[in-house]
All heavy atoms as atom14 arrays in JSON, in Angstrom:
{
  "sequence": "TEIEPFGMSDVIQGGIGRAFSFEFGYDQAMTMMTPVGGMDRIYYKFQ",
  "atom14_mask": [
    [1, 1, 1, 1, 1, 1, 1, 0, 0, 0, 0, 0, 0, 0],
    [1, 1, 1, 1, 1, 1, 1, 1, 1, 0, 0, 0, 0, 0],
    [1, 1, 1, 1, 1, 1, 1, 1, 0, 0, 0, 0, 0, 0],
    [1, 1, 1, 1, 1, 1, 1, 1, 1, 0, 0, 0, 0, 0],
    [1, 1, 1, 1, 1, 1, 1, 0, 0, 0, 0, 0, 0, 0],
    [1, 1, 1, 1, 1, 1, 1, 1, 1, 1, 1, 0, 0, 0],
    [1, 1, 1, 1, 0, 0, 0, 0, 0, 0, 0, 0, 0, 0],
    [1, 1, 1, 1, 1, 1, 1, 1, 0, 0, 0, 0, 0, 0],
    [1, 1, 1, 1, 1, 1, 0, 0, 0, 0, 0, 0, 0, 0],
    [1, 1, 1, 1, 1, 1, 1, 1, 0, 0, 0, 0, 0, 0],
    [1, 1, 1, 1, 1, 1, 1, 0, 0, 0, 0, 0, 0, 0],
    [1, 1, 1, 1, 1, 1, 1, 1, 0, 0, 0, 0, 0, 0],
    [1, 1, 1, 1, 1, 1, 1, 1, 1, 0, 0, 0, 0, 0],
    [1, 1, 1, 1, 0, 0, 0, 0, 0, 0, 0, 0, 0, 0],
    [1, 1, 1, 1, 0, 0, 0, 0, 0, 0, 0, 0, 0, 0],
    [1, 1, 1, 1, 1, 1, 1, 1, 0, 0, 0, 0, 0, 0],
    [1, 1, 1, 1, 0, 0, 0, 0, 0, 0, 0, 0, 0, 0],
    [1, 1, 1, 1, 1, 1, 1, 1, 1, 1, 1, 0, 0, 0],
    [1, 1, 1, 1, 1, 0, 0, 0, 0, 0, 0, 0, 0, 0],
    [1, 1, 1, 1, 1, 1, 1, 1, 1, 1, 1, 0, 0, 0],
    [1, 1, 1, 1, 1, 1, 0, 0, 0, 0, 0, 0, 0, 0],
    [1, 1, 1, 1, 1, 1, 1, 1, 1, 1, 1, 0, 0, 0],
    [1, 1, 1, 1, 1, 1, 1, 1, 1, 0, 0, 0, 0, 0],
    [1, 1, 1, 1, 1, 1, 1, 1, 1, 1, 1, 0, 0, 0],
    [1, 1, 1, 1, 0, 0, 0, 0, 0, 0, 0, 0, 0, 0],
    [1, 1, 1, 1, 1, 1, 1, 1, 1, 1, 1, 1, 0, 0],
    [1, 1, 1, 1, 1, 1, 1, 1, 0, 0, 0, 0, 0, 0],
    [1, 1, 1, 1, 1, 1, 1, 1, 1, 0, 0, 0, 0, 0],
    [1, 1, 1, 1, 1, 0, 0, 0, 0, 0, 0, 0, 0, 0],
    [1, 1, 1, 1, 1, 1, 1, 1, 0, 0, 0, 0, 0, 0],
    [1, 1, 1, 1, 1, 1, 1, 0, 0, 0, 0, 0, 0, 0],
    [1, 1, 1, 1, 1, 1, 1, 1, 0, 0, 0, 0, 0, 0],
    [1, 1, 1, 1, 1, 1, 1, 1, 0, 0, 0, 0, 0, 0],
    [1, 1, 1, 1, 1, 1, 1, 0, 0, 0, 0, 0, 0, 0],
    [1, 1, 1, 1, 1, 1, 1, 0, 0, 0, 0, 0, 0, 0],
    [1, 1, 1, 1, 1, 1, 1, 0, 0, 0, 0, 0, 0, 0],
    [1, 1, 1, 1, 0, 0, 0, 0, 0, 0, 0, 0, 0, 0],
    [1, 1, 1, 1, 0, 0, 0, 0, 0, 0, 0, 0, 0, 0],
    [1, 1, 1, 1, 1, 1, 1, 1, 0, 0, 0, 0, 0, 0],
    [1, 1, 1, 1, 1, 1, 1, 1, 0, 0, 0, 0, 0, 0],
    [1, 1, 1, 1, 1, 1, 1, 1, 1, 1, 1, 0, 0, 0],
    [1, 1, 1, 1, 1, 1, 1, 1, 0, 0, 0, 0, 0, 0],
    [1, 1, 1, 1, 1, 1, 1, 1, 1, 1, 1, 1, 0, 0],
    [1, 1, 1, 1, 1, 1, 1, 1, 1, 1, 1, 1, 0, 0],
    [1, 1, 1, 1, 1, 1, 1, 1, 1, 0, 0, 0, 0, 0],
    [1, 1, 1, 1, 1, 1, 1, 1, 1, 1, 1, 0, 0, 0],
    [1, 1, 1, 1, 1, 1, 1, 1, 1, 0, 0, 0, 0, 0]
  ],
  "atom14_positions": [
    [[-7.13, -27.25, -8.89], [-8.37, -26.56, -9.27], [-8.36, -25.15, -8.7], [-8.38, -24.97, -7.47], [-9.6, -27.32, -8.73], [-9.58, -28.67, -9.2], [-10.88, -26.63, -9.19], [0.0, 0.0, 0.0], [0.0, 0.0, 0.0], [0.0, 0.0, 0.0], [0.0, 0.0, 0.0], [0.0, 0.0, 0.0], [0.0, 0.0, 0.0], [0.0, 0.0, 0.0]],
    [[-8.29, -24.18, -9.59], [-8.31, -22.79, -9.13], [-9.72, -22.41, -8.69], [-10.71, -22.92, -9.21], [-7.86, -21.85, -10.25], [-6.4, -22.03, -10.63], [-5.98, -21.07, -11.73], [-6.8, -20.21, -12.12], [-4.82, -21.18, -12.21], [0.0, 0.0, 0.0], [0.0, 0.0, 0.0], [0.0, 0.0, 0.0], [0.0, 0.0, 0.0], [0.0, 0.0, 0.0]],
    [[-9.79, -21.5, -7.71], [-11.07, -21.05, -7.19], [-11.56, -19.89, -8.05], [-10.84, -18.93, -8.28], [-10.93, -20.61, -5.72], [-10.35, -21.75, -4.88], [-12.28, -20.17, -5.16], [-10.02, -21.35, -3.46], [0.0, 0.0, 0.0], [0.0, 0.0, 0.0], [0.0, 0.0, 0.0], [0.0, 0.0, 0.0], [0.0, 0.0, 0.0], [0.0, 0.0, 0.0]],
    [[-12.79, -19.99, -8.51], [-13.35, -18.95, -9.37], [-13.51, -17.63, -8.62], [-13.84, -17.62, -7.43], [-14.72, -19.4, -9.9], [-14.66, -20.55, -10.88], [-13.95, -20.16, -12.17], [-14.21, -19.06, -12.69], [-13.11, -20.96, -12.63], [0.0, 0.0, 0.0], [0.0, 0.0, 0.0], [0.0, 0.0, 0.0], [0.0, 0.0, 0.0], [0.0, 0.0, 0.0]],
    [[-13.3, -16.5, -9.28], [-13.41, -15.2, -8.61], [-14.86, -14.82, -8.35], [-15.79, -15.31, -8.99], [-12.77, -14.24, -9.61], [-13.02, -14.87, -10.95], [-12.9, -16.36, -10.69], [0.0, 0.0, 0.0], [0.0, 0.0, 0.0], [0.0, 0.0, 0.0], [0.0, 0.0, 0.0], [0.0, 0.0, 0.0], [0.0, 0.0, 0.0], [0.0, 0.0, 0.0]],
    [[-15.04, -13.93, -7.39], [-16.36, -13.34, -7.18], [-16.61, -12.33, -8.3], [-15.7, -11.91, -9.0], [-16.42, -12.62, -5.83], [-16.24, -13.53, -4.64], [-15.16, -13.36, -3.79], [-17.14, -14.55, -4.38], [-14.99, -14.19, -2.69], [-16.98, -15.39, -3.29], [-15.89, -15.21, -2.44], [0.0, 0.0, 0.0], [0.0, 0.0, 0.0], [0.0, 0.0, 0.0]],
    [[-17.87, -11.94, -8.46], [-18.2, -10.95, -9.48], [-17.71, -9.56, -9.09], [-17.57, -9.24, -7.91], [0.0, 0.0, 0.0], [0.0, 0.0, 0.0], [0.0, 0.0, 0.0], [0.0, 0.0, 0.0], [0.0, 0.0, 0.0], [0.0, 0.0, 0.0], [0.0, 0.0, 0.0], [0.0, 0.0, 0.0], [0.0, 0.0, 0.0], [0.0, 0.0, 0.0]],
    [[-17.47, -8.74, -10.11], [-16.94, -7.4, -9.86], [-17.85, -6.59, -8.95], [-17.4, -5.96, -7.98], [-16.73, -6.65, -11.17], [-16.2, -5.24, -10.99], [-16.17, -4.25, -12.51], [-14.92, -5.1, -13.45], [0.0, 0.0, 0.0], [0.0, 0.0, 0.0], [0.0, 0.0, 0.0], [0.0, 0.0, 0.0], [0.0, 0.0, 0.0], [0.0, 0.0, 0.0]],
    [[-19.13, -6.59, -9.22], [-20.07, -5.81, -8.42], [-20.09, -6.28, -6.98], [-20.14, -5.47, -6.04], [-21.47, -5.89, -9.03], [-22.4, -5.16, -8.25], [0.0, 0.0, 0.0], [0.0, 0.0, 0.0], [0.0, 0.0, 0.0], [0.0, 0.0, 0.0], [0.0, 0.0, 0.0], [0.0, 0.0, 0.0], [0.0, 0.0, 0.0], [0.0, 0.0, 0.0]],
    [[-20.04, -7.59, -6.76], [-20.05, -8.13, -5.4], [-18.8, -7.7, -4.64], [-18.87, -7.34, -3.45], [-20.13, -9.66, -5.44], [-21.5, -10.16, -5.84], [-22.44, -9.35, -5.88], [-21.62, -11.37, -6.13], [0.0, 0.0, 0.0], [0.0, 0.0, 0.0], [0.0, 0.0, 0.0], [0.0, 0.0, 0.0], [0.0, 0.0, 0.0], [0.0, 0.0, 0.0]],
    [[-17.66, -7.72, -5.31], [-16.41, -7.34, -4.66], [-16.44, -5.86, -4.28], [-16.04, -5.47, -3.17], [-15.21, -7.63, -5.58], [-13.93, -7.01, -5.03], [-15.04, -9.14, -5.75], [0.0, 0.0, 0.0], [0.0, 0.0, 0.0], [0.0, 0.0, 0.0], [0.0, 0.0, 0.0], [0.0, 0.0, 0.0], [0.0, 0.0, 0.0], [0.0, 0.0, 0.0]],
    [[-16.96, -5.02, -5.18], [-17.0, -3.59, -4.91], [-17.99, -3.28, -3.79], [-17.68, -2.58, -2.82], [-17.37, -2.81, -6.18], [-16.24, -2.95, -7.22], [-17.63, -1.35, -5.86], [-16.58, -2.37, -8.56], [0.0, 0.0, 0.0], [0.0, 0.0, 0.0], [0.0, 0.0, 0.0], [0.0, 0.0, 0.0], [0.0, 0.0, 0.0], [0.0, 0.0, 0.0]],
    [[-19.2, -3.81, -3.9], [-20.22, -3.53, -2.89], [-19.9, -4.2, -1.55], [-20.18, -3.65, -0.48], [-21.59, -4.0, -3.37], [-22.17, -3.18, -4.5], [-23.63, -3.54, -4.75], [-24.4, -3.75, -3.83], [-23.99, -3.64, -6.03], [0.0, 0.0, 0.0], [0.0, 0.0, 0.0], [0.0, 0.0, 0.0], [0.0, 0.0, 0.0], [0.0, 0.0, 0.0]],
    [[-19.31, -5.38, -1.6], [-19.02, -6.11, -0.37], [-17.9, -5.5, 0.45], [-17.82, -5.73, 1.67], [0.0, 0.0, 0.0], [0.0, 0.0, 0.0], [0.0, 0.0, 0.0], [0.0, 0.0, 0.0], [0.0, 0.0, 0.0], [0.0, 0.0, 0.0], [0.0, 0.0, 0.0], [0.0, 0.0, 0.0], [0.0, 0.0, 0.0], [0.0, 0.0, 0.0]],
    [[-17.05, -4.71, -0.16], [-15.98, -4.04, 0.58], [-15.0, -4.99, 1.23], [-14.47, -4.7, 2.32], [0.0, 0.0, 0.0], [0.0, 0.0, 0.0], [0.0, 0.0, 0.0], [0.0, 0.0, 0.0], [0.0, 0.0, 0.0], [0.0, 0.0, 0.0], [0.0, 0.0, 0.0], [0.0, 0.0, 0.0], [0.0, 0.0, 0.0], [0.0, 0.0, 0.0]],
    [[-14.7, -6.11, 0.57], [-13.81, -7.09, 1.19], [-12.37, -6.6, 1.25], [-11.54, -7.21, 1.93], [-13.88, -8.45, 0.46], [-13.49, -8.3, -1.02], [-15.26, -9.07, 0.62], [-13.45, -9.64, -1.75], [0.0, 0.0, 0.0], [0.0, 0.0, 0.0], [0.0, 0.0, 0.0], [0.0, 0.0, 0.0], [0.0, 0.0, 0.0], [0.0, 0.0, 0.0]],
    [[-12.08, -5.51, 0.57], [-10.72, -4.96, 0.62], [-10.56, -3.82, 1.61], [-9.55, -3.12, 1.59], [0.0, 0.0, 0.0], [0.0, 0.0, 0.0], [0.0, 0.0, 0.0], [0.0, 0.0, 0.0], [0.0, 0.0, 0.0], [0.0, 0.0, 0.0], [0.0, 0.0, 0.0], [0.0, 0.0, 0.0], [0.0, 0.0, 0.0], [0.0, 0.0, 0.0]],
    [[-11.51, -3.67, 2.53], [-11.52, -2.48, 3.4], [-10.34, -2.43, 4.36], [-10.01, -1.35, 4.88], [-12.82, -2.41, 4.17], [-12.99, -3.48, 5.24], [-14.37, -3.45, 5.89], [-15.41, -3.94, 4.99], [-16.68, -4.09, 5.34], [-17.06, -3.77, 6.58], [-17.56, -4.56, 4.49], [0.0, 0.0, 0.0], [0.0, 0.0, 0.0], [0.0, 0.0, 0.0]],
    [[-9.7, -3.55, 4.65], [-8.6, -3.55, 5.63], [-7.22, -3.54, 4.97], [-6.21, -3.54, 5.66], [-8.71, -4.78, 6.54], [0.0, 0.0, 0.0], [0.0, 0.0, 0.0], [0.0, 0.0, 0.0], [0.0, 0.0, 0.0], [0.0, 0.0, 0.0], [0.0, 0.0, 0.0], [0.0, 0.0, 0.0], [0.0, 0.0, 0.0], [0.0, 0.0, 0.0]],
    [[-7.18, -3.51, 3.64], [-5.89, -3.66, 2.97], [-4.96, -2.47, 3.18], [-3.75, -2.6, 3.1], [-6.08, -3.91, 1.47], [-6.78, -5.19, 1.15], [-7.31, -5.42, -0.11], [-6.92, -6.18, 2.1], [-7.95, -6.6, -0.42], [-7.57, -7.37, 1.81], [-8.09, -7.58, 0.54], [0.0, 0.0, 0.0], [0.0, 0.0, 0.0], [0.0, 0.0, 0.0]],
    [[-5.52, -1.29, 3.42], [-4.66, -0.12, 3.59], [-3.81, -0.23, 4.85], [-2.8, 0.47, 4.99], [-5.51, 1.15, 3.66], [-6.4, 1.1, 4.76], [0.0, 0.0, 0.0], [0.0, 0.0, 0.0], [0.0, 0.0, 0.0], [0.0, 0.0, 0.0], [0.0, 0.0, 0.0], [0.0, 0.0, 0.0], [0.0, 0.0, 0.0], [0.0, 0.0, 0.0]],
    [[-4.16, -1.12, 5.75], [-3.4, -1.34, 6.98], [-1.93, -1.62, 6.66], [-1.03, -1.11, 7.31], [-4.02, -2.51, 7.74], [-3.23, -2.97, 8.94], [-3.32, -2.29, 10.14], [-2.4, -4.08, 8.86], [-2.59, -2.71, 11.25], [-1.67, -4.51, 9.95], [-1.77, -3.82, 11.15], [0.0, 0.0, 0.0], [0.0, 0.0, 0.0], [0.0, 0.0, 0.0]],
    [[-1.69, -2.43, 5.66], [-0.32, -2.86, 5.36], [0.52, -1.74, 4.76], [1.74, -1.86, 4.68], [-0.33, -4.04, 4.4], [-0.85, -3.71, 3.01], [-1.14, -4.95, 2.2], [-1.99, -5.77, 2.61], [-0.5, -5.12, 1.14], [0.0, 0.0, 0.0], [0.0, 0.0, 0.0], [0.0, 0.0, 0.0], [0.0, 0.0, 0.0], [0.0, 0.0, 0.0]],
    [[-0.11, -0.64, 4.33], [0.65, 0.47, 3.78], [1.12, 1.43, 4.87], [1.9, 2.35, 4.6], [-0.2, 1.25, 2.77], [-0.66, 0.43, 1.6], [-1.96, 0.53, 1.12], [0.19, -0.47, 0.98], [-2.4, -0.24, 0.06], [-0.24, -1.25, -0.09], [-1.54, -1.13, -0.55], [0.0, 0.0, 0.0], [0.0, 0.0, 0.0], [0.0, 0.0, 0.0]],
    [[0.65, 1.24, 6.09], [1.05, 2.12, 7.18], [2.55, 2.08, 7.38], [3.19, 1.02, 7.29], [0.0, 0.0, 0.0], [0.0, 0.0, 0.0], [0.0, 0.0, 0.0], [0.0, 0.0, 0.0], [0.0, 0.0, 0.0], [0.0, 0.0, 0.0], [0.0, 0.0, 0.0], [0.0, 0.0, 0.0], [0.0, 0.0, 0.0], [0.0, 0.0, 0.0]],
    [[3.14, 3.23, 7.7], [4.59, 3.31, 7.86], [5.1, 2.34, 8.91], [6.19, 1.78, 8.77], [4.98, 4.75, 8.23], [6.45, 4.94, 8.46], [7.36, 4.86, 7.4], [6.95, 5.2, 9.74], [8.71, 5.03, 7.6], [8.31, 5.38, 9.94], [9.18, 5.3, 8.88], [10.53, 5.46, 9.08], [0.0, 0.0, 0.0], [0.0, 0.0, 0.0]],
    [[4.33, 2.15, 9.98], [4.77, 1.29, 11.07], [4.19, -0.12, 11.0], [4.22, -0.87, 11.97], [4.4, 1.91, 12.42], [5.19, 3.18, 12.69], [6.35, 3.25, 12.25], [4.65, 4.09, 13.32], [0.0, 0.0, 0.0], [0.0, 0.0, 0.0], [0.0, 0.0, 0.0], [0.0, 0.0, 0.0], [0.0, 0.0, 0.0], [0.0, 0.0, 0.0]],
    [[3.63, -0.48, 9.85], [3.09, -1.82, 9.67], [3.73, -2.43, 8.42], [3.96, -1.75, 7.43], [1.58, -1.79, 9.5], [0.83, -1.2, 10.67], [0.88, -2.06, 11.92], [1.23, -3.23, 11.87], [0.53, -1.47, 13.05], [0.0, 0.0, 0.0], [0.0, 0.0, 0.0], [0.0, 0.0, 0.0], [0.0, 0.0, 0.0], [0.0, 0.0, 0.0]],
    [[4.01, -3.69, 8.5], [4.65, -4.37, 7.37], [4.29, -5.84, 7.41], [3.8, -6.35, 8.42], [6.17, -4.2, 7.43], [0.0, 0.0, 0.0], [0.0, 0.0, 0.0], [0.0, 0.0, 0.0], [0.0, 0.0, 0.0], [0.0, 0.0, 0.0], [0.0, 0.0, 0.0], [0.0, 0.0, 0.0], [0.0, 0.0, 0.0], [0.0, 0.0, 0.0]],
    [[4.52, -6.53, 6.29], [4.27, -7.97, 6.26], [5.04, -8.66, 7.38], [4.51, -9.48, 8.12], [4.73, -8.54, 4.92], [3.76, -8.32, 3.79], [2.37, -9.46, 3.9], [1.65, -9.23, 2.28], [0.0, 0.0, 0.0], [0.0, 0.0, 0.0], [0.0, 0.0, 0.0], [0.0, 0.0, 0.0], [0.0, 0.0, 0.0], [0.0, 0.0, 0.0]],
    [[6.33, -8.31, 7.49], [7.2, -8.94, 8.48], [7.67, -7.9, 9.48], [8.23, -6.88, 9.1], [8.41, -9.6, 7.8], [7.95, -10.58, 6.87], [9.31, -10.26, 8.83], [0.0, 0.0, 0.0], [0.0, 0.0, 0.0], [0.0, 0.0, 0.0], [0.0, 0.0, 0.0], [0.0, 0.0, 0.0], [0.0, 0.0, 0.0], [0.0, 0.0, 0.0]],
    [[7.46, -8.19, 10.74], [7.94, -7.33, 11.82], [8.77, -8.19, 12.77], [9.1, -9.33, 12.45], [6.75, -6.65, 12.51], [5.93, -5.8, 11.54], [4.48, -5.02, 12.27], [5.23, -3.65, 13.14], [0.0, 0.0, 0.0], [0.0, 0.0, 0.0], [0.0, 0.0, 0.0], [0.0, 0.0, 0.0], [0.0, 0.0, 0.0], [0.0, 0.0, 0.0]],
    [[9.12, -7.65, 13.92], [9.97, -8.37, 14.86], [9.29, -8.43, 16.23], [8.42, -7.61, 16.56], [11.33, -7.68, 15.0], [12.06, -7.44, 13.68], [12.43, -8.95, 12.78], [13.66, -9.69, 13.84], [0.0, 0.0, 0.0], [0.0, 0.0, 0.0], [0.0, 0.0, 0.0], [0.0, 0.0, 0.0], [0.0, 0.0, 0.0], [0.0, 0.0, 0.0]],
    [[9.74, -9.39, 17.05], [9.23, -9.51, 18.42], [10.23, -10.31, 19.23], [10.93, -11.18, 18.68], [7.84, -10.19, 18.43], [7.22, -10.01, 19.7], [7.93, -11.66, 18.1], [0.0, 0.0, 0.0], [0.0, 0.0, 0.0], [0.0, 0.0, 0.0], [0.0, 0.0, 0.0], [0.0, 0.0, 0.0], [0.0, 0.0, 0.0], [0.0, 0.0, 0.0]],
    [[10.36, -10.05, 20.54], [11.32, -10.8, 21.35], [10.9, -12.26, 21.54], [9.71, -12.56, 21.68], [11.3, -10.06, 22.69], [10.82, -8.7, 22.38], [9.82, -8.89, 21.28], [0.0, 0.0, 0.0], [0.0, 0.0, 0.0], [0.0, 0.0, 0.0], [0.0, 0.0, 0.0], [0.0, 0.0, 0.0], [0.0, 0.0, 0.0], [0.0, 0.0, 0.0]],
    [[11.87, -13.13, 21.56], [11.62, -14.53, 21.87], [11.16, -14.63, 23.33], [11.8, -14.1, 24.23], [12.89, -15.37, 21.65], [12.68, -16.81, 22.12], [13.32, -15.33, 20.19], [0.0, 0.0, 0.0], [0.0, 0.0, 0.0], [0.0, 0.0, 0.0], [0.0, 0.0, 0.0], [0.0, 0.0, 0.0], [0.0, 0.0, 0.0], [0.0, 0.0, 0.0]],
    [[10.02, -15.27, 23.55], [9.54, -15.48, 24.9], [8.64, -14.41, 25.47], [8.18, -14.53, 26.61], [0.0, 0.0, 0.0], [0.0, 0.0, 0.0], [0.0, 0.0, 0.0], [0.0, 0.0, 0.0], [0.0, 0.0, 0.0], [0.0, 0.0, 0.0], [0.0, 0.0, 0.0], [0.0, 0.0, 0.0], [0.0, 0.0, 0.0], [0.0, 0.0, 0.0]],
    [[8.38, -13.33, 24.71], [7.47, -12.3, 25.2], [8.1, -10.92, 25.18], [9.31, -10.76, 25.39], [0.0, 0.0, 0.0], [0.0, 0.0, 0.0], [0.0, 0.0, 0.0], [0.0, 0.0, 0.0], [0.0, 0.0, 0.0], [0.0, 0.0, 0.0], [0.0, 0.0, 0.0], [0.0, 0.0, 0.0], [0.0, 0.0, 0.0], [0.0, 0.0, 0.0]],
    [[7.28, -9.91, 24.94], [7.77, -8.53, 24.85], [8.37, -8.05, 26.16], [9.25, -7.19, 26.17], [6.64, -7.61, 24.39], [7.1, -6.22, 23.98], [8.14, -6.21, 22.5], [6.88, -6.45, 21.22], [0.0, 0.0, 0.0], [0.0, 0.0, 0.0], [0.0, 0.0, 0.0], [0.0, 0.0, 0.0], [0.0, 0.0, 0.0], [0.0, 0.0, 0.0]],
    [[7.92, -8.6, 27.28], [8.45, -8.13, 28.56], [9.9, -8.52, 28.78], [10.56, -8.03, 29.7], [7.59, -8.64, 29.73], [7.58, -10.16, 29.86], [8.11, -10.87, 28.98], [6.98, -10.65, 30.85], [0.0, 0.0, 0.0], [0.0, 0.0, 0.0], [0.0, 0.0, 0.0], [0.0, 0.0, 0.0], [0.0, 0.0, 0.0], [0.0, 0.0, 0.0]],
    [[10.46, -9.38, 27.91], [11.89, -9.73, 28.02], [12.76, -8.48, 27.94], [13.82, -8.4, 28.56], [12.3, -10.7, 26.92], [11.54, -12.04, 26.87], [11.73, -12.86, 28.12], [10.71, -12.56, 29.12], [10.67, -13.1, 30.33], [11.6, -13.98, 30.7], [9.72, -12.78, 31.17], [0.0, 0.0, 0.0], [0.0, 0.0, 0.0], [0.0, 0.0, 0.0]],
    [[12.3, -7.49, 27.17], [13.05, -6.24, 27.04], [13.19, -5.55, 28.39], [14.27, -5.08, 28.78], [12.36, -5.28, 26.06], [12.27, -5.88, 24.67], [13.08, -3.93, 26.01], [11.47, -5.05, 23.67], [0.0, 0.0, 0.0], [0.0, 0.0, 0.0], [0.0, 0.0, 0.0], [0.0, 0.0, 0.0], [0.0, 0.0, 0.0], [0.0, 0.0, 0.0]],
    [[12.12, -5.55, 29.18], [12.09, -4.76, 30.4], [12.76, -5.49, 31.57], [13.28, -4.83, 32.49], [10.65, -4.31, 30.67], [10.22, -3.52, 29.47], [9.47, -4.11, 28.45], [10.7, -2.23, 29.26], [9.17, -3.42, 27.28], [10.41, -1.54, 28.1], [9.66, -2.14, 27.11], [9.39, -1.46, 25.95], [0.0, 0.0, 0.0], [0.0, 0.0, 0.0]],
    [[12.78, -6.8, 31.52], [13.58, -7.52, 32.5], [15.06, -7.31, 32.23], [15.88, -7.29, 33.16], [13.2, -9.01, 32.52], [11.91, -9.27, 33.27], [10.72, -9.5, 32.59], [11.88, -9.23, 34.66], [9.53, -9.7, 33.28], [10.69, -9.43, 35.35], [9.52, -9.67, 34.66], [8.34, -9.87, 35.35], [0.0, 0.0, 0.0], [0.0, 0.0, 0.0]],
    [[15.44, -7.14, 30.97], [16.83, -6.81, 30.64], [17.18, -5.4, 31.11], [18.28, -5.16, 31.62], [17.05, -6.95, 29.13], [17.12, -8.38, 28.63], [18.43, -9.05, 29.03], [18.59, -10.38, 28.33], [19.89, -11.03, 28.67], [0.0, 0.0, 0.0], [0.0, 0.0, 0.0], [0.0, 0.0, 0.0], [0.0, 0.0, 0.0], [0.0, 0.0, 0.0]],
    [[16.27, -4.45, 30.93], [16.47, -3.11, 31.48], [16.65, -3.19, 33.0], [17.52, -2.54, 33.58], [15.27, -2.21, 31.15], [15.4, -1.41, 29.89], [14.46, -1.55, 28.88], [16.43, -0.5, 29.72], [14.56, -0.8, 27.7], [16.54, 0.26, 28.57], [15.6, 0.11, 27.55], [0.0, 0.0, 0.0], [0.0, 0.0, 0.0], [0.0, 0.0, 0.0]],
    [[15.78, -3.98, 33.63], [15.85, -4.14, 35.08], [17.22, -4.65, 35.51], [17.83, -4.13, 36.46], [14.76, -5.12, 35.53], [14.81, -5.52, 37.0], [13.79, -6.59, 37.33], [12.6, -6.32, 37.31], [14.25, -7.81, 37.6], [0.0, 0.0, 0.0], [0.0, 0.0, 0.0], [0.0, 0.0, 0.0], [0.0, 0.0, 0.0], [0.0, 0.0, 0.0]]
  ]
}
């Protein structure tokens, strides 16, 4: 059962798309990377 869409006016006035531009940022993407076990693993390796 597909979920029915909201009305056009409600979507426009409600501004539910206000955060979508975040994903277009040069340093933001759907998939990014992170160290296994925590970001501080990088600095213990430097140490």
